[in-house]
Amino acid sequence: MSEKTWDVKVILEREAIFEVQVEADTEDEAIELATSNVWADDYDYEERAASTIMCESYEAEEQIEMLLCPVCELQHASNTEPGINVDDFNESEKVIYTP
Protein backbone atom coordinates (compact mmCIF):
# COMPACT_ATOMS: atom_id res chain seq x y z
CA MET A 1 0.00 0.00 0.00
CA SER A 2 1.37 3.41 -0.94
CA GLU A 3 1.85 6.24 1.48
CA LYS A 4 -0.95 8.76 1.83
CA THR A 5 -0.63 12.50 1.38
CA TRP A 6 -1.62 14.72 4.31
CA ASP A 7 -2.02 18.45 4.83
CA VAL A 8 -0.99 19.27 8.39
CA LYS A 9 -1.87 22.61 9.92
CA VAL A 10 0.64 23.58 12.60
CA ILE A 11 -0.57 26.18 15.11
CA LEU A 12 2.08 27.63 17.41
CA GLU A 13 1.55 30.34 20.00
CA ARG A 14 4.85 31.94 20.94
CA GLU A 15 6.01 34.42 23.50
CA ALA A 16 9.24 36.41 23.35
CA ILE A 17 10.49 38.74 26.05
CA PHE A 18 13.72 40.63 25.33
CA GLU A 19 15.24 44.06 25.82
CA VAL A 20 16.71 46.43 23.22
CA GLN A 21 18.37 49.80 23.46
CA VAL A 22 17.10 52.72 21.38
CA GLU A 23 18.03 56.39 21.35
CA ALA A 24 15.10 58.76 21.81
CA ASP A 25 14.24 62.01 23.61
CA THR A 26 11.15 60.70 25.45
CA GLU A 27 9.70 57.45 26.72
CA ASP A 28 6.89 57.67 24.16
CA GLU A 29 9.41 58.10 21.32
CA ALA A 30 11.43 55.13 22.59
CA ILE A 31 8.33 52.91 22.68
CA GLU A 32 7.22 54.13 19.24
CA LEU A 33 10.67 53.43 17.80
CA ALA A 34 10.83 49.95 19.36
CA THR A 35 7.30 49.18 18.09
CA SER A 36 8.24 50.31 14.58
CA ASN A 37 11.39 48.16 14.68
CA VAL A 38 9.41 45.10 15.80
CA TRP A 39 7.00 45.40 12.88
CA ALA A 40 9.89 46.04 10.47
CA ASP A 41 11.49 42.75 11.66
CA ASP A 42 14.57 44.62 12.87
CA TYR A 43 14.58 42.48 16.02
CA ASP A 44 14.14 39.17 14.22
CA TYR A 45 17.27 37.62 15.76
CA GLU A 46 16.37 38.77 19.28
CA GLU A 47 12.81 37.57 18.88
CA ARG A 48 13.87 34.10 17.72
CA ALA A 49 16.49 33.77 20.46
CA ALA A 50 13.98 34.69 23.19
CA SER A 51 10.99 32.87 21.69
CA THR A 52 9.25 30.14 23.68
CA ILE A 53 6.38 28.00 22.38
CA MET A 54 3.54 28.45 24.84
CA CYS A 55 0.92 26.33 23.08
CA GLU A 56 0.93 24.04 20.06
CA SER A 57 -1.65 22.06 18.15
CA TYR A 58 -1.73 20.04 14.97
CA GLU A 59 -4.57 19.13 12.61
CA ALA A 60 -4.15 16.64 9.76
CA GLU A 61 -6.39 16.13 6.75
CA GLU A 62 -5.83 13.39 4.21
CA GLN A 63 -5.59 14.58 0.62
CA ILE A 64 -7.52 12.23 -1.64
CA GLU A 65 -6.90 12.41 -5.36
CA MET A 66 -10.12 12.52 -7.35
CA LEU A 67 -10.21 10.62 -10.66
CA LEU A 68 -12.67 11.04 -13.52
CA CYS A 69 -14.34 7.78 -14.49
CA PRO A 70 -14.33 7.37 -18.31
CA VAL A 71 -17.50 5.25 -18.12
CA CYS A 72 -19.87 7.19 -15.87
CA GLU A 73 -18.02 10.51 -16.19
CA LEU A 74 -18.22 11.11 -12.42
CA GLN A 75 -15.38 11.80 -10.06
CA HIS A 76 -14.34 9.07 -7.64
CA ALA A 77 -11.78 9.03 -4.87
CA SER A 78 -8.58 7.31 -5.93
CA ASN A 79 -8.55 5.28 -2.72
CA THR A 80 -11.85 3.51 -3.53
CA GLU A 81 -12.44 0.48 -5.68
CA PRO A 82 -14.32 1.18 -8.92
CA GLY A 83 -17.86 -0.10 -8.97
CA ILE A 84 -17.40 -1.46 -12.47
CA ASN A 85 -14.54 -2.87 -14.52
CA VAL A 86 -14.01 -0.21 -17.20
CA ASP A 87 -12.45 -2.58 -19.73
CA ASP A 88 -15.32 -5.09 -19.39
CA PHE A 89 -17.85 -2.29 -19.77
CA ASN A 90 -16.19 -0.87 -22.88
CA GLU A 91 -16.13 -4.33 -24.52
CA SER A 92 -19.80 -4.95 -23.71
CA GLU A 93 -22.85 -3.56 -25.46
CA LYS A 94 -23.97 -1.66 -22.36
CA VAL A 95 -24.75 2.02 -22.73
CA ILE A 96 -25.06 4.80 -20.18
CA TYR A 97 -27.92 7.12 -20.93
CA THR A 98 -27.86 10.63 -19.53
CA PRO A 99 -31.00 12.76 -19.46
PDB file of N, CA and C in Angstrom:
ATOM      1  N   MET A   1       0.843  -1.180   0.000  1.00  0.00           N
ATOM      2  CA  MET A   1       0.000   0.000   0.000  1.00  0.00           C
ATOM      3  C   MET A   1       0.888   1.242   0.000  1.00  0.00           C
ATOM      4  N   SER A   2       0.548   2.208  -0.839  1.00  0.00           N
ATOM      5  CA  SER A   2       1.373   3.407  -0.944  1.00  0.00           C
ATOM      6  C   SER A   2       1.084   4.372   0.203  1.00  0.00           C
ATOM      7  N   GLU A   3       2.023   5.244   0.435  1.00  0.00           N
ATOM      8  CA  GLU A   3       1.854   6.243   1.476  1.00  0.00           C
ATOM      9  C   GLU A   3       0.777   7.236   1.075  1.00  0.00           C
ATOM     10  N   LYS A   4       0.097   7.777   2.062  1.00  0.00           N
ATOM     11  CA  LYS A   4      -0.955   8.760   1.831  1.00  0.00           C
ATOM     12  C   LYS A   4      -0.353  10.155   1.910  1.00  0.00           C
ATOM     13  N   THR A   5      -1.041  11.111   1.320  1.00  0.00           N
ATOM     14  CA  THR A   5      -0.626  12.505   1.381  1.00  0.00           C
ATOM     15  C   THR A   5      -1.509  13.236   2.378  1.00  0.00           C
ATOM     16  N   TRP A   6      -0.892  14.014   3.251  1.00  0.00           N
ATOM     17  CA  TRP A   6      -1.618  14.716   4.312  1.00  0.00           C
ATOM     18  C   TRP A   6      -1.261  16.194   4.291  1.00  0.00           C
ATOM     19  N   ASP A   7      -2.250  17.036   4.538  1.00  0.00           N
ATOM     20  CA  ASP A   7      -2.017  18.447   4.833  1.00  0.00           C
ATOM     21  C   ASP A   7      -2.078  18.587   6.340  1.00  0.00           C
ATOM     22  N   VAL A   8      -1.028  19.105   6.941  1.00  0.00           N
ATOM     23  CA  VAL A   8      -0.992  19.266   8.392  1.00  0.00           C
ATOM     24  C   VAL A   8      -0.902  20.753   8.715  1.00  0.00           C
ATOM     25  N   LYS A   9      -1.880  21.225   9.464  1.00  0.00           N
ATOM     26  CA  LYS A   9      -1.873  22.608   9.921  1.00  0.00           C
ATOM     27  C   LYS A   9      -1.177  22.637  11.275  1.00  0.00           C
ATOM     28  N   VAL A  10      -0.121  23.440  11.371  1.00  0.00           N
ATOM     29  CA  VAL A  10       0.640  23.580  12.604  1.00  0.00           C
ATOM     30  C   VAL A  10       0.300  24.945  13.201  1.00  0.00           C
ATOM     31  N   ILE A  11      -0.203  24.934  14.433  1.00  0.00           N
ATOM     32  CA  ILE A  11      -0.572  26.177  15.110  1.00  0.00           C
ATOM     33  C   ILE A  11       0.334  26.326  16.327  1.00  0.00           C
ATOM     34  N   LEU A  12       1.151  27.374  16.306  1.00  0.00           N
ATOM     35  CA  LEU A  12       2.076  27.633  17.413  1.00  0.00           C
ATOM     36  C   LEU A  12       1.774  29.004  18.003  1.00  0.00           C
ATOM     37  N   GLU A  13       1.662  29.060  19.308  1.00  0.00           N
ATOM     38  CA  GLU A  13       1.546  30.335  19.996  1.00  0.00           C
ATOM     39  C   GLU A  13       2.867  30.554  20.719  1.00  0.00           C
ATOM     40  N   ARG A  14       3.532  31.662  20.394  1.00  0.00           N
ATOM     41  CA  ARG A  14       4.850  31.938  20.944  1.00  0.00           C
ATOM     42  C   ARG A  14       4.826  33.183  21.813  1.00  0.00           C
ATOM     43  N   GLU A  15       5.805  33.240  22.686  1.00  0.00           N
ATOM     44  CA  GLU A  15       6.007  34.424  23.497  1.00  0.00           C
ATOM     45  C   GLU A  15       7.493  34.728  23.486  1.00  0.00           C
ATOM     46  N   ALA A  16       7.835  36.000  23.323  1.00  0.00           N
ATOM     47  CA  ALA A  16       9.236  36.411  23.351  1.00  0.00           C
ATOM     48  C   ALA A  16       9.358  37.660  24.217  1.00  0.00           C
ATOM     49  N   ILE A  17      10.228  37.593  25.190  1.00  0.00           N
ATOM     50  CA  ILE A  17      10.494  38.743  26.048  1.00  0.00           C
ATOM     51  C   ILE A  17      11.986  39.037  25.951  1.00  0.00           C
ATOM     52  N   PHE A  18      12.325  40.237  25.465  1.00  0.00           N
ATOM     53  CA  PHE A  18      13.722  40.629  25.326  1.00  0.00           C
ATOM     54  C   PHE A  18      13.819  42.146  25.454  1.00  0.00           C
ATOM     55  N   GLU A  19      15.010  42.628  25.679  1.00  0.00           N
ATOM     56  CA  GLU A  19      15.240  44.063  25.815  1.00  0.00           C
ATOM     57  C   GLU A  19      16.134  44.553  24.693  1.00  0.00           C
ATOM     58  N   VAL A  20      15.888  45.783  24.238  1.00  0.00           N
ATOM     59  CA  VAL A  20      16.714  46.426  23.217  1.00  0.00           C
ATOM     60  C   VAL A  20      17.013  47.844  23.681  1.00  0.00           C
ATOM     61  N   GLN A  21      18.047  48.413  23.137  1.00  0.00           N
ATOM     62  CA  GLN A  21      18.374  49.799  23.456  1.00  0.00           C
ATOM     63  C   GLN A  21      18.102  50.658  22.232  1.00  0.00           C
ATOM     64  N   VAL A  22      17.389  51.762  22.452  1.00  0.00           N
ATOM     65  CA  VAL A  22      17.103  52.723  21.380  1.00  0.00           C
ATOM     66  C   VAL A  22      17.460  54.115  21.892  1.00  0.00           C
ATOM     67  N   GLU A  23      17.748  55.009  20.976  1.00  0.00           N
ATOM     68  CA  GLU A  23      18.028  56.390  21.348  1.00  0.00           C
ATOM     69  C   GLU A  23      16.820  57.243  20.995  1.00  0.00           C
ATOM     70  N   ALA A  24      16.270  57.917  22.003  1.00  0.00           N
ATOM     71  CA  ALA A  24      15.101  58.763  21.814  1.00  0.00           C
ATOM     72  C   ALA A  24      15.081  59.834  22.894  1.00  0.00           C
ATOM     73  N   ASP A  25      14.331  60.905  22.649  1.00  0.00           N
ATOM     74  CA  ASP A  25      14.237  62.008  23.614  1.00  0.00           C
ATOM     75  C   ASP A  25      13.250  61.728  24.730  1.00  0.00           C
ATOM     76  N   THR A  26      12.180  60.954  24.436  1.00  0.00           N
ATOM     77  CA  THR A  26      11.154  60.703  25.449  1.00  0.00           C
ATOM     78  C   THR A  26      10.823  59.218  25.498  1.00  0.00           C
ATOM     79  N   GLU A  27      10.138  58.838  26.571  1.00  0.00           N
ATOM     80  CA  GLU A  27       9.702  57.445  26.715  1.00  0.00           C
ATOM     81  C   GLU A  27       8.755  57.058  25.581  1.00  0.00           C
ATOM     82  N   ASP A  28       7.839  57.956  25.240  1.00  0.00           N
ATOM     83  CA  ASP A  28       6.891  57.669  24.156  1.00  0.00           C
ATOM     84  C   ASP A  28       7.617  57.447  22.832  1.00  0.00           C
ATOM     85  N   GLU A  29       8.630  58.279  22.551  1.00  0.00           N
ATOM     86  CA  GLU A  29       9.409  58.102  21.321  1.00  0.00           C
ATOM     87  C   GLU A  29      10.145  56.770  21.322  1.00  0.00           C
ATOM     88  N   ALA A  30      10.696  56.395  22.475  1.00  0.00           N
ATOM     89  CA  ALA A  30      11.429  55.127  22.587  1.00  0.00           C
ATOM     90  C   ALA A  30      10.494  53.954  22.315  1.00  0.00           C
ATOM     91  N   ILE A  31       9.305  53.991  22.905  1.00  0.00           N
ATOM     92  CA  ILE A  31       8.330  52.914  22.683  1.00  0.00           C
ATOM     93  C   ILE A  31       7.882  52.886  21.229  1.00  0.00           C
ATOM     94  N   GLU A  32       7.636  54.059  20.641  1.00  0.00           N
ATOM     95  CA  GLU A  32       7.218  54.135  19.239  1.00  0.00           C
ATOM     96  C   GLU A  32       8.309  53.587  18.312  1.00  0.00           C
ATOM     97  N   LEU A  33       9.562  53.918  18.609  1.00  0.00           N
ATOM     98  CA  LEU A  33      10.672  53.430  17.796  1.00  0.00           C
ATOM     99  C   LEU A  33      10.821  51.910  17.920  1.00  0.00           C
ATOM    100  N   ALA A  34      10.730  51.399  19.149  1.00  0.00           N
ATOM    101  CA  ALA A  34      10.833  49.952  19.357  1.00  0.00           C
ATOM    102  C   ALA A  34       9.675  49.231  18.661  1.00  0.00           C
ATOM    103  N   THR A  35       8.466  49.784  18.755  1.00  0.00           N
ATOM    104  CA  THR A  35       7.301  49.183  18.091  1.00  0.00           C
ATOM    105  C   THR A  35       7.509  49.135  16.582  1.00  0.00           C
ATOM    106  N   SER A  36       7.985  50.244  16.028  1.00  0.00           N
ATOM    107  CA  SER A  36       8.243  50.312  14.584  1.00  0.00           C
ATOM    108  C   SER A  36       9.291  49.279  14.176  1.00  0.00           C
ATOM    109  N   ASN A  37      10.331  49.138  14.993  1.00  0.00           N
ATOM    110  CA  ASN A  37      11.391  48.163  14.684  1.00  0.00           C
ATOM    111  C   ASN A  37      10.893  46.720  14.768  1.00  0.00           C
ATOM    112  N   VAL A  38       9.991  46.439  15.705  1.00  0.00           N
ATOM    113  CA  VAL A  38       9.413  45.095  15.803  1.00  0.00           C
ATOM    114  C   VAL A  38       8.669  44.761  14.519  1.00  0.00           C
ATOM    115  N   TRP A  39       7.811  45.672  14.062  1.00  0.00           N
ATOM    116  CA  TRP A  39       6.997  45.400  12.876  1.00  0.00           C
ATOM    117  C   TRP A  39       7.818  45.434  11.587  1.00  0.00           C
ATOM    118  N   ALA A  40       8.989  46.047  11.630  1.00  0.00           N
ATOM    119  CA  ALA A  40       9.891  46.043  10.468  1.00  0.00           C
ATOM    120  C   ALA A  40      10.832  44.843  10.500  1.00  0.00           C
ATOM    121  N   ASP A  41      10.653  43.948  11.478  1.00  0.00           N
ATOM    122  CA  ASP A  41      11.491  42.753  11.662  1.00  0.00           C
ATOM    123  C   ASP A  41      12.955  43.098  11.935  1.00  0.00           C
ATOM    124  N   ASP A  42      13.199  44.255  12.511  1.00  0.00           N
ATOM    125  CA  ASP A  42      14.566  44.624  12.865  1.00  0.00           C
ATOM    126  C   ASP A  42      15.088  43.832  14.056  1.00  0.00           C
ATOM    127  N   TYR A  43      14.189  43.260  14.842  1.00  0.00           N
ATOM    128  CA  TYR A  43      14.578  42.481  16.015  1.00  0.00           C
ATOM    129  C   TYR A  43      14.341  40.985  15.793  1.00  0.00           C
ATOM    130  N   ASP A  44      14.412  40.568  14.562  1.00  0.00           N
ATOM    131  CA  ASP A  44      14.136  39.166  14.223  1.00  0.00           C
ATOM    132  C   ASP A  44      15.042  38.203  15.001  1.00  0.00           C
ATOM    133  N   TYR A  45      16.335  38.504  15.054  1.00  0.00           N
ATOM    134  CA  TYR A  45      17.270  37.623  15.764  1.00  0.00           C
ATOM    135  C   TYR A  45      16.933  37.566  17.250  1.00  0.00           C
ATOM    136  N   GLU A  46      16.692  38.723  17.852  1.00  0.00           N
ATOM    137  CA  GLU A  46      16.366  38.774  19.277  1.00  0.00           C
ATOM    138  C   GLU A  46      15.064  38.028  19.571  1.00  0.00           C
ATOM    139  N   GLU A  47      14.109  38.231  18.697  1.00  0.00           N
ATOM    140  CA  GLU A  47      12.809  37.572  18.878  1.00  0.00           C
ATOM    141  C   GLU A  47      12.956  36.049  18.810  1.00  0.00           C
ATOM    142  N   ARG A  48      13.678  35.557  17.847  1.00  0.00           N
ATOM    143  CA  ARG A  48      13.871  34.105  17.717  1.00  0.00           C
ATOM    144  C   ARG A  48      14.641  33.525  18.904  1.00  0.00           C
ATOM    145  N   ALA A  49      15.669  34.258  19.350  1.00  0.00           N
ATOM    146  CA  ALA A  49      16.486  33.770  20.458  1.00  0.00           C
ATOM    147  C   ALA A  49      15.700  33.710  21.761  1.00  0.00           C
ATOM    148  N   ALA A  50      14.742  34.630  21.934  1.00  0.00           N
ATOM    149  CA  ALA A  50      13.982  34.693  23.186  1.00  0.00           C
ATOM    150  C   ALA A  50      12.629  33.989  23.090  1.00  0.00           C
ATOM    151  N   SER A  51      12.318  33.447  21.930  1.00  0.00           N
ATOM    152  CA  SER A  51      10.991  32.867  21.690  1.00  0.00           C
ATOM    153  C   SER A  51      10.802  31.529  22.411  1.00  0.00           C
ATOM    154  N   THR A  52       9.636  31.383  23.012  1.00  0.00           N
ATOM    155  CA  THR A  52       9.253  30.140  23.677  1.00  0.00           C
ATOM    156  C   THR A  52       7.872  29.737  23.167  1.00  0.00           C
ATOM    157  N   ILE A  53       7.696  28.476  22.813  1.00  0.00           N
ATOM    158  CA  ILE A  53       6.382  27.995  22.384  1.00  0.00           C
ATOM    159  C   ILE A  53       5.529  27.792  23.625  1.00  0.00           C
ATOM    160  N   MET A  54       4.436  28.516  23.685  1.00  0.00           N
ATOM    161  CA  MET A  54       3.538  28.450  24.839  1.00  0.00           C
ATOM    162  C   MET A  54       2.431  27.421  24.636  1.00  0.00           C
ATOM    163  N   CYS A  55       2.015  27.257  23.395  1.00  0.00           N
ATOM    164  CA  CYS A  55       0.921  26.331  23.085  1.00  0.00           C
ATOM    165  C   CYS A  55       1.124  25.847  21.654  1.00  0.00           C
ATOM    166  N   GLU A  56       0.813  24.589  21.414  1.00  0.00           N
ATOM    167  CA  GLU A  56       0.935  24.044  20.062  1.00  0.00           C
ATOM    168  C   GLU A  56      -0.209  23.078  19.801  1.00  0.00           C
ATOM    169  N   SER A  57      -0.645  23.046  18.545  1.00  0.00           N
ATOM    170  CA  SER A  57      -1.652  22.063  18.150  1.00  0.00           C
ATOM    171  C   SER A  57      -1.438  21.718  16.683  1.00  0.00           C
ATOM    172  N   TYR A  58      -1.925  20.547  16.325  1.00  0.00           N
ATOM    173  CA  TYR A  58      -1.733  20.042  14.969  1.00  0.00           C
ATOM    174  C   TYR A  58      -3.040  19.436  14.478  1.00  0.00           C
ATOM    175  N   GLU A  59      -3.376  19.714  13.225  1.00  0.00           N
ATOM    176  CA  GLU A  59      -4.569  19.134  12.611  1.00  0.00           C
ATOM    177  C   GLU A  59      -4.155  18.554  11.265  1.00  0.00           C
ATOM    178  N   ALA A  60      -4.527  17.303  11.015  1.00  0.00           N
ATOM    179  CA  ALA A  60      -4.152  16.644   9.761  1.00  0.00           C
ATOM    180  C   ALA A  60      -5.400  16.286   8.962  1.00  0.00           C
ATOM    181  N   GLU A  61      -5.294  16.482   7.651  1.00  0.00           N
ATOM    182  CA  GLU A  61      -6.388  16.127   6.754  1.00  0.00           C
ATOM    183  C   GLU A  61      -5.797  15.378   5.560  1.00  0.00           C
ATOM    184  N   GLU A  62      -6.327  14.193   5.321  1.00  0.00           N
ATOM    185  CA  GLU A  62      -5.829  13.389   4.206  1.00  0.00           C
ATOM    186  C   GLU A  62      -6.246  14.015   2.885  1.00  0.00           C
ATOM    187  N   GLN A  63      -5.306  14.071   1.945  1.00  0.00           N
ATOM    188  CA  GLN A  63      -5.592  14.585   0.616  1.00  0.00           C
ATOM    189  C   GLN A  63      -5.886  13.399  -0.294  1.00  0.00           C
ATOM    190  N   ILE A  64      -7.094  13.352  -0.800  1.00  0.00           N
ATOM    191  CA  ILE A  64      -7.517  12.233  -1.640  1.00  0.00           C
ATOM    192  C   ILE A  64      -7.624  12.720  -3.080  1.00  0.00           C
ATOM    193  N   GLU A  65      -6.877  12.063  -3.942  1.00  0.00           N
ATOM    194  CA  GLU A  65      -6.902  12.412  -5.358  1.00  0.00           C
ATOM    195  C   GLU A  65      -8.233  11.965  -5.954  1.00  0.00           C
ATOM    196  N   MET A  66      -8.855  12.852  -6.704  1.00  0.00           N
ATOM    197  CA  MET A  66     -10.122  12.522  -7.354  1.00  0.00           C
ATOM    198  C   MET A  66      -9.844  12.190  -8.823  1.00  0.00           C
ATOM    199  N   LEU A  67     -10.409  11.073  -9.284  1.00  0.00           N
ATOM    200  CA  LEU A  67     -10.214  10.621 -10.657  1.00  0.00           C
ATOM    201  C   LEU A  67     -11.538  10.669 -11.409  1.00  0.00           C
ATOM    202  N   LEU A  68     -11.477  11.000 -12.688  1.00  0.00           N
ATOM    203  CA  LEU A  68     -12.673  11.044 -13.522  1.00  0.00           C
ATOM    204  C   LEU A  68     -12.869   9.680 -14.170  1.00  0.00           C
ATOM    205  N   CYS A  69     -14.032   9.094 -13.924  1.00  0.00           N
ATOM    206  CA  CYS A  69     -14.337   7.781 -14.491  1.00  0.00           C
ATOM    207  C   CYS A  69     -14.703   7.953 -15.972  1.00  0.00           C
ATOM    208  N   PRO A  70     -14.019   7.232 -16.874  1.00  0.00           N
ATOM    209  CA  PRO A  70     -14.327   7.368 -18.307  1.00  0.00           C
ATOM    210  C   PRO A  70     -15.670   6.747 -18.684  1.00  0.00           C
ATOM    211  N   VAL A  71     -16.226   5.912 -17.819  1.00  0.00           N
ATOM    212  CA  VAL A  71     -17.497   5.253 -18.123  1.00  0.00           C
ATOM    213  C   VAL A  71     -18.671   6.117 -17.678  1.00  0.00           C
ATOM    214  N   CYS A  72     -18.716   6.445 -16.381  1.00  0.00           N
ATOM    215  CA  CYS A  72     -19.871   7.190 -15.867  1.00  0.00           C
ATOM    216  C   CYS A  72     -19.632   8.687 -15.842  1.00  0.00           C
ATOM    217  N   GLU A  73     -18.406   9.111 -16.142  1.00  0.00           N
ATOM    218  CA  GLU A  73     -18.015  10.515 -16.188  1.00  0.00           C
ATOM    219  C   GLU A  73     -18.223  11.240 -14.859  1.00  0.00           C
ATOM    220  N   LEU A  74     -18.145  10.519 -13.754  1.00  0.00           N
ATOM    221  CA  LEU A  74     -18.220  11.110 -12.424  1.00  0.00           C
ATOM    222  C   LEU A  74     -16.853  11.027 -11.776  1.00  0.00           C
ATOM    223  N   GLN A  75     -16.643  11.846 -10.773  1.00  0.00           N
ATOM    224  CA  GLN A  75     -15.377  11.795 -10.055  1.00  0.00           C
ATOM    225  C   GLN A  75     -15.481  10.815  -8.899  1.00  0.00           C
ATOM    226  N   HIS A  76     -14.409  10.049  -8.710  1.00  0.00           N
ATOM    227  CA  HIS A  76     -14.341   9.067  -7.638  1.00  0.00           C
ATOM    228  C   HIS A  76     -13.014   9.231  -6.914  1.00  0.00           C
ATOM    229  N   ALA A  77     -13.016   8.966  -5.639  1.00  0.00           N
ATOM    230  CA  ALA A  77     -11.780   9.033  -4.867  1.00  0.00           C
ATOM    231  C   ALA A  77     -10.839   7.937  -5.338  1.00  0.00           C
ATOM    232  N   SER A  78      -9.556   8.279  -5.432  1.00  0.00           N
ATOM    233  CA  SER A  78      -8.580   7.308  -5.931  1.00  0.00           C
ATOM    234  C   SER A  78      -8.354   6.166  -4.958  1.00  0.00           C
ATOM    235  N   ASN A  79      -8.774   6.341  -3.701  1.00  0.00           N
ATOM    236  CA  ASN A  79      -8.552   5.276  -2.718  1.00  0.00           C
ATOM    237  C   ASN A  79      -9.742   4.323  -2.618  1.00  0.00           C
ATOM    238  N   THR A  80     -10.701   4.409  -3.539  1.00  0.00           N
ATOM    239  CA  THR A  80     -11.852   3.511  -3.526  1.00  0.00           C
ATOM    240  C   THR A  80     -11.784   2.579  -4.730  1.00  0.00           C
ATOM    241  N   GLU A  81     -12.389   1.436  -4.581  1.00  0.00           N
ATOM    242  CA  GLU A  81     -12.437   0.479  -5.684  1.00  0.00           C
ATOM    243  C   GLU A  81     -13.525   0.908  -6.666  1.00  0.00           C
ATOM    244  N   PRO A  82     -13.275   0.823  -7.957  1.00  0.00           N
ATOM    245  CA  PRO A  82     -14.316   1.180  -8.922  1.00  0.00           C
ATOM    246  C   PRO A  82     -15.486   0.205  -8.832  1.00  0.00           C
ATOM    247  N   GLY A  83     -16.662   0.721  -9.045  1.00  0.00           N
ATOM    248  CA  GLY A  83     -17.862  -0.104  -8.972  1.00  0.00           C
ATOM    249  C   GLY A  83     -18.046  -0.981 -10.205  1.00  0.00           C
ATOM    250  N   ILE A  84     -17.263  -0.715 -11.230  1.00  0.00           N
ATOM    251  CA  ILE A  84     -17.396  -1.464 -12.474  1.00  0.00           C
ATOM    252  C   ILE A  84     -16.013  -1.599 -13.108  1.00  0.00           C
ATOM    253  N   ASN A  85     -15.787  -2.687 -13.794  1.00  0.00           N
ATOM    254  CA  ASN A  85     -14.545  -2.866 -14.518  1.00  0.00           C
ATOM    255  C   ASN A  85     -14.679  -2.121 -15.844  1.00  0.00           C
ATOM    256  N   VAL A  86     -13.882  -1.080 -16.034  1.00  0.00           N
ATOM    257  CA  VAL A  86     -14.006  -0.211 -17.201  1.00  0.00           C
ATOM    258  C   VAL A  86     -13.761  -0.984 -18.491  1.00  0.00           C
ATOM    259  N   ASP A  87     -12.755  -1.833 -18.511  1.00  0.00           N
ATOM    260  CA  ASP A  87     -12.447  -2.583 -19.731  1.00  0.00           C
ATOM    261  C   ASP A  87     -13.606  -3.502 -20.111  1.00  0.00           C
ATOM    262  N   ASP A  88     -14.178  -4.205 -19.114  1.00  0.00           N
ATOM    263  CA  ASP A  88     -15.321  -5.085 -19.388  1.00  0.00           C
ATOM    264  C   ASP A  88     -16.502  -4.280 -19.914  1.00  0.00           C
ATOM    265  N   PHE A  89     -16.736  -3.112 -19.337  1.00  0.00           N
ATOM    266  CA  PHE A  89     -17.854  -2.286 -19.771  1.00  0.00           C
ATOM    267  C   PHE A  89     -17.654  -1.826 -21.214  1.00  0.00           C
ATOM    268  N   ASN A  90     -16.446  -1.356 -21.528  1.00  0.00           N
ATOM    269  CA  ASN A  90     -16.189  -0.867 -22.879  1.00  0.00           C
ATOM    270  C   ASN A  90     -16.334  -1.961 -23.929  1.00  0.00           C
ATOM    271  N   GLU A  91     -16.019  -3.226 -23.573  1.00  0.00           N
ATOM    272  CA  GLU A  91     -16.133  -4.332 -24.516  1.00  0.00           C
ATOM    273  C   GLU A  91     -17.560  -4.864 -24.614  1.00  0.00           C
ATOM    274  N   SER A  92     -18.422  -4.464 -23.688  1.00  0.00           N
ATOM    275  CA  SER A  92     -19.799  -4.947 -23.713  1.00  0.00           C
ATOM    276  C   SER A  92     -20.661  -4.024 -24.578  1.00  0.00           C
ATOM    277  N   GLU A  93     -21.922  -4.382 -24.689  1.00  0.00           N
ATOM    278  CA  GLU A  93     -22.850  -3.562 -25.460  1.00  0.00           C
ATOM    279  C   GLU A  93     -23.653  -2.633 -24.556  1.00  0.00           C
ATOM    280  N   LYS A  94     -23.255  -2.507 -23.293  1.00  0.00           N
ATOM    281  CA  LYS A  94     -23.967  -1.657 -22.360  1.00  0.00           C
ATOM    282  C   LYS A  94     -23.774  -0.192 -22.740  1.00  0.00           C
ATOM    283  N   VAL A  95     -24.775   0.605 -22.419  1.00  0.00           N
ATOM    284  CA  VAL A  95     -24.749   2.018 -22.730  1.00  0.00           C
ATOM    285  C   VAL A  95     -25.224   2.796 -21.497  1.00  0.00           C
ATOM    286  N   ILE A  96     -24.602   3.919 -21.256  1.00  0.00           N
ATOM    287  CA  ILE A  96     -25.056   4.801 -20.176  1.00  0.00           C
ATOM    288  C   ILE A  96     -25.840   5.928 -20.824  1.00  0.00           C
ATOM    289  N   TYR A  97     -27.061   6.052 -20.405  1.00  0.00           N
ATOM    290  CA  TYR A  97     -27.919   7.122 -20.932  1.00  0.00           C
ATOM    291  C   TYR A  97     -27.938   8.267 -19.912  1.00  0.00           C
ATOM    292  N   THR A  98     -27.751   9.469 -20.393  1.00  0.00           N
ATOM    293  CA  THR A  98     -27.857  10.631 -19.526  1.00  0.00           C
ATOM    294  C   THR A  98     -29.017  11.479 -20.001  1.00  0.00           C
ATOM    295  N   PRO A  99     -29.837  11.946 -19.059  1.00  0.00           N
ATOM    296  CA  PRO A  99     -30.999  12.759 -19.459  1.00  0.00           C
ATOM    297  C   PRO A  99     -30.596  14.114 -20.006  1.00  0.00           C
TER     298      PRO A  99
END
